Amino acid sequence: MLHEGNNAILLIATTYEEDSGTFTCRATTSAGTVETSAKLVVK
């Protein structure tokens, strides 16, 4: 994972079809928790 300012980047160097799926990022602080998901499709 890379950090650039307020952004975090998940870098996947090599992918295979079996890597397809939903990736979820969750951030938790004393103010609460937020979550977002992205669907990755490898063909």
Protein backbone atom coordinates (compact mmCIF):
# COMPACT_ATOMS: atom_id res chain seq x y z
CA MET A 1 0.00 0.00 0.00
CA LEU A 2 1.27 3.45 -0.91
CA HIS A 3 0.40 6.74 0.78
CA GLU A 4 0.28 10.03 -1.11
CA GLY A 5 -0.96 12.90 1.01
CA ASN A 6 -4.45 12.00 2.23
CA ASN A 7 -4.73 9.11 -0.23
CA ALA A 8 -3.79 5.45 0.11
CA ILE A 9 -3.21 3.33 -3.00
CA LEU A 10 -3.43 -0.46 -3.15
CA LEU A 11 -0.96 -1.57 -5.80
CA ILE A 12 -1.39 -5.06 -7.22
CA ALA A 13 1.71 -5.83 -9.31
CA THR A 14 0.52 -9.08 -10.89
CA THR A 15 -3.08 -10.22 -11.18
CA TYR A 16 -4.79 -13.48 -12.01
CA GLU A 17 -8.44 -14.28 -12.68
CA GLU A 18 -8.75 -15.73 -9.19
CA ASP A 19 -7.85 -12.28 -7.79
CA SER A 20 -11.22 -10.99 -9.02
CA GLY A 21 -13.59 -9.96 -6.27
CA THR A 22 -14.55 -7.12 -3.99
CA PHE A 23 -11.83 -5.20 -2.18
CA THR A 24 -12.89 -3.17 0.85
CA CYS A 25 -11.02 -0.33 2.52
CA ARG A 26 -12.00 0.61 6.06
CA ALA A 27 -10.68 3.61 7.99
CA THR A 28 -11.27 3.91 11.72
CA THR A 29 -10.49 6.86 13.99
CA SER A 30 -11.84 8.17 17.26
CA ALA A 31 -14.48 9.99 15.15
CA GLY A 32 -15.84 6.75 13.73
CA THR A 33 -15.44 4.34 10.84
CA VAL A 34 -15.95 4.73 7.11
CA GLU A 35 -15.80 2.02 4.49
CA THR A 36 -15.76 1.82 0.71
CA SER A 37 -15.56 -1.11 -1.69
CA ALA A 38 -14.46 -1.64 -5.26
CA LYS A 39 -15.07 -4.58 -7.55
CA LEU A 40 -12.00 -5.92 -9.39
CA VAL A 41 -12.54 -8.01 -12.52
CA VAL A 42 -9.49 -9.74 -14.03
CA LYS A 43 -10.04 -11.33 -17.44
